[in-house]
Amino acid sequence: MLLKLLPQETKIKFLSMRKIAAVFSILLGIGSLVLFAVESLNYGIDFKGGITVEVGYEEKAVPLADIREIMAGLNLGGVSVKQFGSPNDVLVRIERQPGDDTAQSVAMTNVRAALAAALPDLIYRQGNIIGPVVSAELKQDGALAVTVAILMVLMYIWFRFEWQFGLGAVIALVHDIVLTVGFFALTRLEFNLSIIAALLTIVGYSLNDTVVVYDRVRENIRKYRKMAMEDVLNLSLNQTLSRTVMTSVTTLLALFALFFLGGEVIRGFTAAMIWGVVIGTYSSIFVASPLLLFFKIRREAMVHDEEKDPTVDKSRPGQFGDL
């Protein structure tokens, strides 16, 4: 239904805007890196250490205002009180206290005692101390996960297409990751493990958009062998535009619902995903595709006998036949 409402034969000259888009992306990338270098990120307890305490009731909602008031009276520094799972469950996150692990244990004991005294029926579910060593390992593992994902993407695209496609896709992904980090440096939203999950999801989403466009580019290079490469890229982008817009809009509708109605616990994750969908759609059109022109993709490498091409599925019609 939504697809039928979108224009089916657009003739937008996307490549004519590539220089403006390149300057825009470079400025945003430099700004993001500068913000990260100067302000860093608002790391959560996952990455800088601290204390987490889970409490709740069996059959009634936990009074968040009371919990926050109790925590404020303990003078423990930065404290976050959020519902998770259901209104009956609450997660209390406390910044790392000065001193060694003994100081963290004392702080946790004081928290349990204060909650038990003020709310005797409150059930203590569990408490965890996240030390600096664990935090550093989590930070390294998160960066490694994103790096490995990008490298695997490079290998996949390089195998499926030409090296220009692989390099273009990876540059677009790095562009998306850098701008997302800049977004968090600017907004000061908490950067925790769930954001690493969001970054990996953004990599997958952006790659999906890029591969769809690249597939159509490859098909059109074979189909229009005398057409100028810039015209082939413009044609491919216009042919996949309705699919790109439909996917982005429907994804954003779900994400906005989660952002406004999903609660504080997943707000950072959904904010990252909303930004990632927008910037991923932009990069697949204005970054990944123009890079093919910049890298001077060789038409001869793409125009060959499809019967010998291992990446073409001859058992069914092309995947764009119903667009």
C-alpha atoms as a PDB file:
ATOM      1  CA  MET A   1       0.000   0.000   0.000  1.00  0.00           C
ATOM      2  CA  LEU A   2       2.699   2.475   1.028  1.00  0.00           C
ATOM      3  CA  LEU A   3       4.805   1.517  -1.989  1.00  0.00           C
ATOM      4  CA  LYS A   4       1.922   2.401  -4.352  1.00  0.00           C
ATOM      5  CA  LEU A   5       1.667   5.899  -2.817  1.00  0.00           C
ATOM      6  CA  LEU A   6       5.281   6.685  -3.708  1.00  0.00           C
ATOM      7  CA  PRO A   7       6.317   7.965  -7.161  1.00  0.00           C
ATOM      8  CA  GLN A   8       7.522   5.016  -9.241  1.00  0.00           C
ATOM      9  CA  GLU A   9       9.534   6.830 -11.952  1.00  0.00           C
ATOM     10  CA  THR A  10      11.577   9.572 -10.329  1.00  0.00           C
ATOM     11  CA  LYS A  11      14.382  11.188 -12.287  1.00  0.00           C
ATOM     12  CA  ILE A  12      16.402  12.860  -9.556  1.00  0.00           C
ATOM     13  CA  LYS A  13      20.023  13.587 -10.469  1.00  0.00           C
ATOM     14  CA  PHE A  14      21.560  12.445  -7.201  1.00  0.00           C
ATOM     15  CA  LEU A  15      25.109  12.383  -8.559  1.00  0.00           C
ATOM     16  CA  SER A  16      24.958  16.074  -9.453  1.00  0.00           C
ATOM     17  CA  MET A  17      24.818  16.737  -5.693  1.00  0.00           C
ATOM     18  CA  ARG A  18      27.788  14.523  -4.854  1.00  0.00           C
ATOM     19  CA  LYS A  19      30.259  17.367  -4.250  1.00  0.00           C
ATOM     20  CA  ILE A  20      27.905  19.153  -1.868  1.00  0.00           C
ATOM     21  CA  ALA A  21      27.178  15.856  -0.104  1.00  0.00           C
ATOM     22  CA  ALA A  22      30.917  15.089   0.124  1.00  0.00           C
ATOM     23  CA  VAL A  23      31.665  18.451   1.759  1.00  0.00           C
ATOM     24  CA  PHE A  24      28.693  18.008   4.105  1.00  0.00           C
ATOM     25  CA  SER A  25      29.804  14.509   5.129  1.00  0.00           C
ATOM     26  CA  ILE A  26      33.446  15.525   5.609  1.00  0.00           C
ATOM     27  CA  LEU A  27      32.446  18.471   7.796  1.00  0.00           C
ATOM     28  CA  LEU A  28      30.133  16.297   9.873  1.00  0.00           C
ATOM     29  CA  GLY A  29      32.833  13.633  10.192  1.00  0.00           C
ATOM     30  CA  ILE A  30      35.493  16.129  11.295  1.00  0.00           C
ATOM     31  CA  GLY A  31      33.036  17.738  13.716  1.00  0.00           C
ATOM     32  CA  SER A  32      32.173  14.327  15.173  1.00  0.00           C
ATOM     33  CA  LEU A  33      35.836  13.403  15.694  1.00  0.00           C
ATOM     34  CA  VAL A  34      36.597  16.788  17.278  1.00  0.00           C
ATOM     35  CA  LEU A  35      33.620  16.471  19.628  1.00  0.00           C
ATOM     36  CA  PHE A  36      34.721  12.964  20.586  1.00  0.00           C
ATOM     37  CA  ALA A  37      38.310  14.124  21.206  1.00  0.00           C
ATOM     38  CA  VAL A  38      37.271  17.172  23.251  1.00  0.00           C
ATOM     39  CA  GLU A  39      34.121  16.028  25.053  1.00  0.00           C
ATOM     40  CA  SER A  40      34.470  12.247  24.768  1.00  0.00           C
ATOM     41  CA  LEU A  41      31.257  10.308  25.442  1.00  0.00           C
ATOM     42  CA  ASN A  42      28.928  10.115  28.393  1.00  0.00           C
ATOM     43  CA  TYR A  43      29.968   6.559  29.219  1.00  0.00           C
ATOM     44  CA  GLY A  44      27.577   4.494  31.273  1.00  0.00           C
ATOM     45  CA  ILE A  45      28.457   2.226  34.159  1.00  0.00           C
ATOM     46  CA  ASP A  46      29.211  -0.567  31.666  1.00  0.00           C
ATOM     47  CA  PHE A  47      32.268   1.356  30.487  1.00  0.00           C
ATOM     48  CA  LYS A  48      33.416   3.336  33.511  1.00  0.00           C
ATOM     49  CA  GLY A  49      32.485   1.037  36.378  1.00  0.00           C
ATOM     50  CA  GLY A  50      29.970   1.382  39.170  1.00  0.00           C
ATOM     51  CA  ILE A  51      27.187  -0.399  41.004  1.00  0.00           C
ATOM     52  CA  THR A  52      23.879  -1.812  39.791  1.00  0.00           C
ATOM     53  CA  VAL A  53      21.064  -2.912  42.105  1.00  0.00           C
ATOM     54  CA  GLU A  54      17.835  -4.588  40.992  1.00  0.00           C
ATOM     55  CA  VAL A  55      14.802  -4.341  43.298  1.00  0.00           C
ATOM     56  CA  GLY A  56      11.063  -4.757  42.898  1.00  0.00           C
ATOM     57  CA  TYR A  57       7.683  -5.888  44.168  1.00  0.00           C
ATOM     58  CA  GLU A  58       5.763  -9.016  43.295  1.00  0.00           C
ATOM     59  CA  GLU A  59       2.343  -7.500  42.614  1.00  0.00           C
ATOM     60  CA  LYS A  60       2.591  -3.716  42.630  1.00  0.00           C
ATOM     61  CA  ALA A  61       4.550  -0.935  40.964  1.00  0.00           C
ATOM     62  CA  VAL A  62       7.698   0.398  42.576  1.00  0.00           C
ATOM     63  CA  PRO A  63       7.443   4.093  43.622  1.00  0.00           C
ATOM     64  CA  LEU A  64      10.241   5.605  41.550  1.00  0.00           C
ATOM     65  CA  ALA A  65      10.000   8.980  43.271  1.00  0.00           C
ATOM     66  CA  ASP A  66      10.580   7.367  46.663  1.00  0.00           C
ATOM     67  CA  ILE A  67      13.563   5.376  45.367  1.00  0.00           C
ATOM     68  CA  ARG A  68      15.111   8.519  43.885  1.00  0.00           C
ATOM     69  CA  GLU A  69      14.599  10.423  47.126  1.00  0.00           C
ATOM     70  CA  ILE A  70      16.282   7.654  49.126  1.00  0.00           C
ATOM     71  CA  MET A  71      19.235   7.545  46.741  1.00  0.00           C
ATOM     72  CA  ALA A  72      19.638  11.321  46.821  1.00  0.00           C
ATOM     73  CA  GLY A  73      19.957  11.188  50.603  1.00  0.00           C
ATOM     74  CA  LEU A  74      22.909   8.775  50.432  1.00  0.00           C
ATOM     75  CA  ASN A  75      25.197  11.245  48.587  1.00  0.00           C
ATOM     76  CA  LEU A  76      26.589   8.601  46.223  1.00  0.00           C
ATOM     77  CA  GLY A  77      27.092  10.895  43.228  1.00  0.00           C
ATOM     78  CA  GLY A  78      25.460  10.128  39.913  1.00  0.00           C
ATOM     79  CA  VAL A  79      22.459   7.828  40.358  1.00  0.00           C
ATOM     80  CA  SER A  80      19.995   6.559  37.771  1.00  0.00           C
ATOM     81  CA  VAL A  81      16.685   4.915  38.713  1.00  0.00           C
ATOM     82  CA  LYS A  82      14.774   3.271  35.851  1.00  0.00           C
ATOM     83  CA  GLN A  83      11.995   0.764  35.391  1.00  0.00           C
ATOM     84  CA  PHE A  84      12.826  -2.306  33.347  1.00  0.00           C
ATOM     85  CA  GLY A  85      10.729  -5.248  32.262  1.00  0.00           C
ATOM     86  CA  SER A  86       7.614  -4.095  34.127  1.00  0.00           C
ATOM     87  CA  PRO A  87       6.567  -1.338  36.579  1.00  0.00           C
ATOM     88  CA  ASN A  88       7.261  -3.856  39.362  1.00  0.00           C
ATOM     89  CA  ASP A  89      11.008  -3.925  38.634  1.00  0.00           C
ATOM     90  CA  VAL A  90      13.544  -1.148  39.056  1.00  0.00           C
ATOM     91  CA  LEU A  91      17.224  -0.906  38.190  1.00  0.00           C
ATOM     92  CA  VAL A  92      19.343   1.457  40.286  1.00  0.00           C
ATOM     93  CA  ARG A  93      22.672   2.433  38.710  1.00  0.00           C
ATOM     94  CA  ILE A  94      25.273   4.259  40.801  1.00  0.00           C
ATOM     95  CA  GLU A  95      28.557   5.727  39.623  1.00  0.00           C
ATOM     96  CA  ARG A  96      31.789   4.192  40.867  1.00  0.00           C
ATOM     97  CA  GLN A  97      32.671   5.374  44.356  1.00  0.00           C
ATOM     98  CA  PRO A  98      36.144   6.693  45.274  1.00  0.00           C
ATOM     99  CA  GLY A  99      38.348   3.870  46.529  1.00  0.00           C
ATOM    100  CA  ASP A 100      38.765   0.182  45.879  1.00  0.00           C
ATOM    101  CA  ASP A 101      36.217  -2.648  45.703  1.00  0.00           C
ATOM    102  CA  THR A 102      35.714  -2.434  49.465  1.00  0.00           C
ATOM    103  CA  ALA A 103      34.294   1.072  49.015  1.00  0.00           C
ATOM    104  CA  GLN A 104      31.915  -0.253  46.353  1.00  0.00           C
ATOM    105  CA  SER A 105      30.755  -3.060  48.679  1.00  0.00           C
ATOM    106  CA  VAL A 106      30.150  -0.585  51.494  1.00  0.00           C
ATOM    107  CA  ALA A 107      28.104   1.628  49.157  1.00  0.00           C
ATOM    108  CA  MET A 108      26.001  -1.345  48.043  1.00  0.00           C
ATOM    109  CA  THR A 109      25.399  -2.365  51.655  1.00  0.00           C
ATOM    110  CA  ASN A 110      24.295   1.181  52.485  1.00  0.00           C
ATOM    111  CA  VAL A 111      21.913   1.169  49.530  1.00  0.00           C
ATOM    112  CA  ARG A 112      20.333  -2.110  50.588  1.00  0.00           C
ATOM    113  CA  ALA A 113      19.983  -0.927  54.188  1.00  0.00           C
ATOM    114  CA  ALA A 114      18.421   2.402  53.195  1.00  0.00           C
ATOM    115  CA  LEU A 115      15.919   0.754  50.845  1.00  0.00           C
ATOM    116  CA  ALA A 116      14.999  -1.911  53.401  1.00  0.00           C
ATOM    117  CA  ALA A 117      14.444   0.718  56.116  1.00  0.00           C
ATOM    118  CA  ALA A 118      12.248   2.977  53.964  1.00  0.00           C
ATOM    119  CA  LEU A 119      10.429   0.254  51.975  1.00  0.00           C
ATOM    120  CA  PRO A 120      10.374  -2.947  54.065  1.00  0.00           C
ATOM    121  CA  ASP A 121       8.383  -4.944  51.488  1.00  0.00           C
ATOM    122  CA  LEU A 122      10.765  -4.144  48.660  1.00  0.00           C
ATOM    123  CA  ILE A 123      12.448  -7.281  47.296  1.00  0.00           C
ATOM    124  CA  TYR A 124      16.197  -7.127  46.688  1.00  0.00           C
ATOM    125  CA  ARG A 125      16.809  -9.173  43.533  1.00  0.00           C
ATOM    126  CA  GLN A 126      20.524  -8.748  42.849  1.00  0.00           C
ATOM    127  CA  GLY A 127      23.445  -6.339  42.937  1.00  0.00           C
ATOM    128  CA  ASN A 128      26.613  -6.124  40.855  1.00  0.00           C
ATOM    129  CA  ILE A 129      29.875  -4.236  41.100  1.00  0.00           C
ATOM    130  CA  ILE A 130      31.455  -3.410  37.733  1.00  0.00           C
ATOM    131  CA  GLY A 131      35.143  -2.724  38.247  1.00  0.00           C
ATOM    132  CA  PRO A 132      37.484  -0.645  36.063  1.00  0.00           C
ATOM    133  CA  VAL A 133      39.192  -3.733  34.596  1.00  0.00           C
ATOM    134  CA  VAL A 134      35.882  -5.187  33.457  1.00  0.00           C
ATOM    135  CA  SER A 135      34.823  -1.793  32.119  1.00  0.00           C
ATOM    136  CA  ALA A 136      38.020  -1.446  30.075  1.00  0.00           C
ATOM    137  CA  GLU A 137      37.564  -4.960  28.681  1.00  0.00           C
ATOM    138  CA  LEU A 138      33.966  -4.215  27.731  1.00  0.00           C
ATOM    139  CA  LYS A 139      35.061  -1.039  25.933  1.00  0.00           C
ATOM    140  CA  GLN A 140      37.761  -2.921  24.010  1.00  0.00           C
ATOM    141  CA  ASP A 141      35.401  -5.775  23.169  1.00  0.00           C
ATOM    142  CA  GLY A 142      32.768  -3.333  21.915  1.00  0.00           C
ATOM    143  CA  ALA A 143      35.257  -1.552  19.642  1.00  0.00           C
ATOM    144  CA  LEU A 144      36.554  -4.924  18.431  1.00  0.00           C
ATOM    145  CA  ALA A 145      33.023  -6.128  17.634  1.00  0.00           C
ATOM    146  CA  VAL A 146      32.312  -3.078  15.466  1.00  0.00           C
ATOM    147  CA  THR A 147      35.706  -3.333  13.728  1.00  0.00           C
ATOM    148  CA  VAL A 148      35.303  -7.047  12.955  1.00  0.00           C
ATOM    149  CA  ALA A 149      31.789  -6.434  11.601  1.00  0.00           C
ATOM    150  CA  ILE A 150      33.096  -3.765   9.202  1.00  0.00           C
ATOM    151  CA  LEU A 151      35.992  -5.976   8.051  1.00  0.00           C
ATOM    152  CA  MET A 152      33.623  -8.881   7.395  1.00  0.00           C
ATOM    153  CA  VAL A 153      31.436  -6.536   5.365  1.00  0.00           C
ATOM    154  CA  LEU A 154      34.466  -5.533   3.298  1.00  0.00           C
ATOM    155  CA  MET A 155      35.276  -9.183   2.570  1.00  0.00           C
ATOM    156  CA  TYR A 156      31.656 -10.012   1.672  1.00  0.00           C
ATOM    157  CA  ILE A 157      31.132  -7.063  -0.681  1.00  0.00           C
ATOM    158  CA  TRP A 158      34.561  -7.528  -2.259  1.00  0.00           C
ATOM    159  CA  PHE A 159      33.743 -11.166  -3.016  1.00  0.00           C
ATOM    160  CA  ARG A 160      30.249 -10.461  -4.305  1.00  0.00           C
ATOM    161  CA  PHE A 161      31.105  -7.395  -6.394  1.00  0.00           C
ATOM    162  CA  GLU A 162      34.344  -5.595  -7.299  1.00  0.00           C
ATOM    163  CA  TRP A 163      36.837  -4.010  -4.897  1.00  0.00           C
ATOM    164  CA  GLN A 164      35.357  -0.565  -5.610  1.00  0.00           C
ATOM    165  CA  PHE A 165      32.017  -1.744  -4.234  1.00  0.00           C
ATOM    166  CA  GLY A 166      33.640  -3.221  -1.129  1.00  0.00           C
ATOM    167  CA  LEU A 167      35.660  -0.106  -0.370  1.00  0.00           C
ATOM    168  CA  GLY A 168      32.683   2.157  -1.034  1.00  0.00           C
ATOM    169  CA  ALA A 169      30.446   0.156   1.307  1.00  0.00           C
ATOM    170  CA  VAL A 170      33.046   0.171   4.103  1.00  0.00           C
ATOM    171  CA  ILE A 171      33.662   3.920   3.800  1.00  0.00           C
ATOM    172  CA  ALA A 172      29.893   4.459   4.016  1.00  0.00           C
ATOM    173  CA  LEU A 173      29.702   2.258   7.124  1.00  0.00           C
ATOM    174  CA  VAL A 174      32.619   4.053   8.800  1.00  0.00           C
ATOM    175  CA  HIS A 175      30.892   7.327   7.912  1.00  0.00           C
ATOM    176  CA  ASP A 176      27.719   6.141   9.672  1.00  0.00           C
ATOM    177  CA  ILE A 177      29.594   4.935  12.779  1.00  0.00           C
ATOM    178  CA  VAL A 178      31.632   8.150  13.106  1.00  0.00           C
ATOM    179  CA  LEU A 179      28.553  10.343  12.770  1.00  0.00           C
ATOM    180  CA  THR A 180      26.666   8.231  15.312  1.00  0.00           C
ATOM    181  CA  VAL A 181      29.531   8.618  17.799  1.00  0.00           C
ATOM    182  CA  GLY A 182      29.430  12.361  17.119  1.00  0.00           C
ATOM    183  CA  PHE A 183      25.679  12.336  17.755  1.00  0.00           C
ATOM    184  CA  PHE A 184      26.239  10.832  21.202  1.00  0.00           C
ATOM    185  CA  ALA A 185      29.119  13.193  21.957  1.00  0.00           C
ATOM    186  CA  LEU A 186      26.851  16.142  21.107  1.00  0.00           C
ATOM    187  CA  THR A 187      23.652  15.000  22.845  1.00  0.00           C
ATOM    188  CA  ARG A 188      25.442  13.541  25.909  1.00  0.00           C
ATOM    189  CA  LEU A 189      23.104  10.567  25.908  1.00  0.00           C
ATOM    190  CA  GLU A 190      24.488   7.685  27.945  1.00  0.00           C
ATOM    191  CA  PHE A 191      26.784   5.449  25.910  1.00  0.00           C
ATOM    192  CA  ASN A 192      26.554   1.863  27.165  1.00  0.00           C
ATOM    193  CA  LEU A 193      26.559  -1.714  25.879  1.00  0.00           C
ATOM    194  CA  SER A 194      23.114  -1.327  24.327  1.00  0.00           C
ATOM    195  CA  ILE A 195      24.542   1.414  22.104  1.00  0.00           C
ATOM    196  CA  ILE A 196      27.212  -1.007  20.870  1.00  0.00           C
ATOM    197  CA  ALA A 197      24.341  -3.308  19.902  1.00  0.00           C
ATOM    198  CA  ALA A 198      22.716  -0.348  18.138  1.00  0.00           C
ATOM    199  CA  LEU A 199      25.935   0.379  16.224  1.00  0.00           C
ATOM    200  CA  LEU A 200      26.100  -3.210  15.003  1.00  0.00           C
ATOM    201  CA  THR A 201      22.446  -3.029  13.992  1.00  0.00           C
ATOM    202  CA  ILE A 202      23.128   0.215  12.119  1.00  0.00           C
ATOM    203  CA  VAL A 203      25.966  -1.520  10.261  1.00  0.00           C
ATOM    204  CA  GLY A 204      23.545  -4.238   9.149  1.00  0.00           C
ATOM    205  CA  TYR A 205      20.780  -1.802   8.202  1.00  0.00           C
ATOM    206  CA  SER A 206      23.061   0.528   6.253  1.00  0.00           C
ATOM    207  CA  LEU A 207      24.716  -2.418   4.501  1.00  0.00           C
ATOM    208  CA  ASN A 208      21.315  -3.775   3.446  1.00  0.00           C
ATOM    209  CA  ASP A 209      20.427  -0.451   1.817  1.00  0.00           C
ATOM    210  CA  THR A 210      23.804  -0.227   0.122  1.00  0.00           C
ATOM    211  CA  VAL A 211      23.733  -3.781  -1.237  1.00  0.00           C
ATOM    212  CA  VAL A 212      20.269  -3.230  -2.752  1.00  0.00           C
ATOM    213  CA  VAL A 213      21.566  -0.165  -4.615  1.00  0.00           C
ATOM    214  CA  TYR A 214      24.784  -1.933  -5.636  1.00  0.00           C
ATOM    215  CA  ASP A 215      22.842  -4.911  -6.974  1.00  0.00           C
ATOM    216  CA  ARG A 216      20.796  -2.624  -9.173  1.00  0.00           C
ATOM    217  CA  VAL A 217      23.932  -0.771 -10.316  1.00  0.00           C
ATOM    218  CA  ARG A 218      25.499  -4.055 -11.397  1.00  0.00           C
ATOM    219  CA  GLU A 219      22.356  -5.097 -13.280  1.00  0.00           C
ATOM    220  CA  ASN A 220      22.102  -1.740 -15.054  1.00  0.00           C
ATOM    221  CA  ILE A 221      25.787  -1.748 -16.037  1.00  0.00           C
ATOM    222  CA  ARG A 222      25.125  -5.034 -17.844  1.00  0.00           C
ATOM    223  CA  LYS A 223      21.841  -3.829 -19.307  1.00  0.00           C
ATOM    224  CA  TYR A 224      22.877  -0.335 -20.464  1.00  0.00           C
ATOM    225  CA  ARG A 225      26.369  -0.927 -21.768  1.00  0.00           C
ATOM    226  CA  LYS A 226      26.701   2.403 -23.585  1.00  0.00           C
ATOM    227  CA  MET A 227      25.147   4.609 -20.914  1.00  0.00           C
ATOM    228  CA  ALA A 228      27.488   6.972 -19.040  1.00  0.00           C
ATOM    229  CA  MET A 229      28.394   5.646 -15.587  1.00  0.00           C
ATOM    230  CA  GLU A 230      26.941   8.707 -13.832  1.00  0.00           C
ATOM    231  CA  ASP A 231      23.628   8.125 -15.619  1.00  0.00           C
ATOM    232  CA  VAL A 232      23.696   4.433 -14.658  1.00  0.00           C
ATOM    233  CA  LEU A 233      24.160   5.366 -10.991  1.00  0.00           C
ATOM    234  CA  ASN A 234      21.376   7.961 -11.117  1.00  0.00           C
ATOM    235  CA  LEU A 235      19.053   5.466 -12.795  1.00  0.00           C
ATOM    236  CA  SER A 236      19.839   2.791 -10.209  1.00  0.00           C
ATOM    237  CA  LEU A 237      19.242   5.140  -7.283  1.00  0.00           C
ATOM    238  CA  ASN A 238      15.910   6.293  -8.719  1.00  0.00           C
ATOM    239  CA  GLN A 239      14.786   2.729  -9.373  1.00  0.00           C
ATOM    240  CA  THR A 240      15.474   1.699  -5.772  1.00  0.00           C
ATOM    241  CA  LEU A 241      14.322   4.976  -4.195  1.00  0.00           C
ATOM    242  CA  SER A 242      10.752   3.862  -3.445  1.00  0.00           C
ATOM    243  CA  ARG A 243      12.019   0.713  -1.729  1.00  0.00           C
ATOM    244  CA  THR A 244      14.575   2.732   0.283  1.00  0.00           C
ATOM    245  CA  VAL A 245      12.015   5.310   1.400  1.00  0.00           C
ATOM    246  CA  MET A 246       9.407   2.681   2.287  1.00  0.00           C
ATOM    247  CA  THR A 247      11.875   0.679   4.379  1.00  0.00           C
ATOM    248  CA  SER A 248      13.183   3.754   6.198  1.00  0.00           C
ATOM    249  CA  VAL A 249       9.759   5.234   6.934  1.00  0.00           C
ATOM    250  CA  THR A 250       8.255   2.007   8.275  1.00  0.00           C
ATOM    251  CA  THR A 251      11.351   1.379  10.405  1.00  0.00           C
ATOM    252  CA  LEU A 252      11.250   4.927  11.772  1.00  0.00           C
ATOM    253  CA  LEU A 253       7.570   4.611  12.687  1.00  0.00           C
ATOM    254  CA  ALA A 254       8.365   1.621  14.890  1.00  0.00           C
ATOM    255  CA  LEU A 255      11.439   3.301  16.369  1.00  0.00           C
ATOM    256  CA  PHE A 256       9.606   6.517  17.234  1.00  0.00           C
ATOM    257  CA  ALA A 257       6.928   4.471  19.005  1.00  0.00           C
ATOM    258  CA  LEU A 258       9.661   2.749  21.044  1.00  0.00           C
ATOM    259  CA  PHE A 259      11.407   6.058  21.736  1.00  0.00           C
ATOM    260  CA  PHE A 260       8.333   7.795  23.140  1.00  0.00           C
ATOM    261  CA  LEU A 261       6.542   4.814  24.693  1.00  0.00           C
ATOM    262  CA  GLY A 262       9.282   2.262  25.410  1.00  0.00           C
ATOM    263  CA  GLY A 263      10.566   3.832  28.593  1.00  0.00           C
ATOM    264  CA  GLU A 264      13.871   5.269  29.728  1.00  0.00           C
ATOM    265  CA  VAL A 265      15.784   1.989  29.662  1.00  0.00           C
ATOM    266  CA  ILE A 266      15.785   1.637  25.846  1.00  0.00           C
ATOM    267  CA  ARG A 267      15.653   5.345  24.979  1.00  0.00           C
ATOM    268  CA  GLY A 268      19.373   5.575  24.195  1.00  0.00           C
ATOM    269  CA  PHE A 269      19.203   2.480  21.998  1.00  0.00           C
ATOM    270  CA  THR A 270      16.189   3.742  20.041  1.00  0.00           C
ATOM    271  CA  ALA A 271      17.734   7.236  19.690  1.00  0.00           C
ATOM    272  CA  ALA A 272      20.841   5.629  18.191  1.00  0.00           C
ATOM    273  CA  MET A 273      18.706   3.530  15.840  1.00  0.00           C
ATOM    274  CA  ILE A 274      16.635   6.523  14.679  1.00  0.00           C
ATOM    275  CA  TRP A 275      19.781   8.476  13.915  1.00  0.00           C
ATOM    276  CA  GLY A 276      21.337   5.397  12.295  1.00  0.00           C
ATOM    277  CA  VAL A 277      18.388   4.792   9.965  1.00  0.00           C
ATOM    278  CA  VAL A 278      18.414   8.424   8.810  1.00  0.00           C
ATOM    279  CA  ILE A 279      22.177   8.629   8.321  1.00  0.00           C
ATOM    280  CA  GLY A 280      22.316   5.104   6.823  1.00  0.00           C
ATOM    281  CA  THR A 281      19.731   6.005   4.191  1.00  0.00           C
ATOM    282  CA  TYR A 282      21.631   9.203   3.411  1.00  0.00           C
ATOM    283  CA  SER A 283      24.977   7.386   3.102  1.00  0.00           C
ATOM    284  CA  SER A 284      23.648   4.663   0.793  1.00  0.00           C
ATOM    285  CA  ILE A 285      22.532   7.368  -1.644  1.00  0.00           C
ATOM    286  CA  PHE A 286      25.051  10.185  -1.259  1.00  0.00           C
ATOM    287  CA  VAL A 287      28.187   8.375  -0.022  1.00  0.00           C
ATOM    288  CA  ALA A 288      28.306   4.743  -1.171  1.00  0.00           C
ATOM    289  CA  SER A 289      27.071   5.364  -4.725  1.00  0.00           C
ATOM    290  CA  PRO A 290      29.184   8.449  -5.626  1.00  0.00           C
ATOM    291  CA  LEU A 291      32.274   6.601  -4.370  1.00  0.00           C
ATOM    292  CA  LEU A 292      31.879   4.146  -7.250  1.00  0.00           C
ATOM    293  CA  LEU A 293      32.320   7.052  -9.637  1.00  0.00           C
ATOM    294  CA  PHE A 294      35.258   8.385  -7.623  1.00  0.00           C
ATOM    295  CA  PHE A 295      37.007   4.998  -7.684  1.00  0.00           C
ATOM    296  CA  LYS A 296      36.434   4.760 -11.449  1.00  0.00           C
ATOM    297  CA  ILE A 297      34.688   1.395 -11.471  1.00  0.00           C
ATOM    298  CA  ARG A 298      35.592  -0.594 -14.578  1.00  0.00           C
ATOM    299  CA  ARG A 299      32.618  -1.414 -16.768  1.00  0.00           C
ATOM    300  CA  GLU A 300      34.554  -4.260 -18.402  1.00  0.00           C
ATOM    301  CA  ALA A 301      34.775  -6.104 -15.074  1.00  0.00           C
ATOM    302  CA  MET A 302      30.985  -6.063 -14.737  1.00  0.00           C
ATOM    303  CA  VAL A 303      29.965  -6.778 -18.324  1.00  0.00           C
ATOM    304  CA  HIS A 304      30.628 -10.477 -18.803  1.00  0.00           C
ATOM    305  CA  ASP A 305      28.737 -13.700 -19.361  1.00  0.00           C
ATOM    306  CA  GLU A 306      26.296 -14.021 -16.421  1.00  0.00           C
ATOM    307  CA  GLU A 307      26.333 -17.802 -16.776  1.00  0.00           C
ATOM    308  CA  LYS A 308      29.868 -17.717 -15.402  1.00  0.00           C
ATOM    309  CA  ASP A 309      29.075 -15.313 -12.578  1.00  0.00           C
ATOM    310  CA  PRO A 310      28.830 -17.233  -9.243  1.00  0.00           C
ATOM    311  CA  THR A 311      27.026 -14.326  -7.564  1.00  0.00           C
ATOM    312  CA  VAL A 312      24.036 -14.383  -9.929  1.00  0.00           C
ATOM    313  CA  ASP A 313      21.157 -16.700  -9.022  1.00  0.00           C
ATOM    314  CA  LYS A 314      19.919 -18.176 -12.297  1.00  0.00           C
ATOM    315  CA  SER A 315      17.103 -20.180 -10.679  1.00  0.00           C
ATOM    316  CA  ARG A 316      14.721 -17.262 -10.194  1.00  0.00           C
ATOM    317  CA  PRO A 317      13.920 -13.796 -11.640  1.00  0.00           C
ATOM    318  CA  GLY A 318      15.885 -10.752 -10.536  1.00  0.00           C
ATOM    319  CA  GLN A 319      15.086  -9.481  -7.062  1.00  0.00           C
ATOM    320  CA  PHE A 320      13.960  -6.102  -8.428  1.00  0.00           C
ATOM    321  CA  GLY A 321      11.328  -7.469 -10.761  1.00  0.00           C
ATOM    322  CA  ASP A 322       8.429  -6.455  -8.523  1.00  0.00           C
ATOM    323  CA  LEU A 323       9.535  -2.927  -7.715  1.00  0.00           C
END
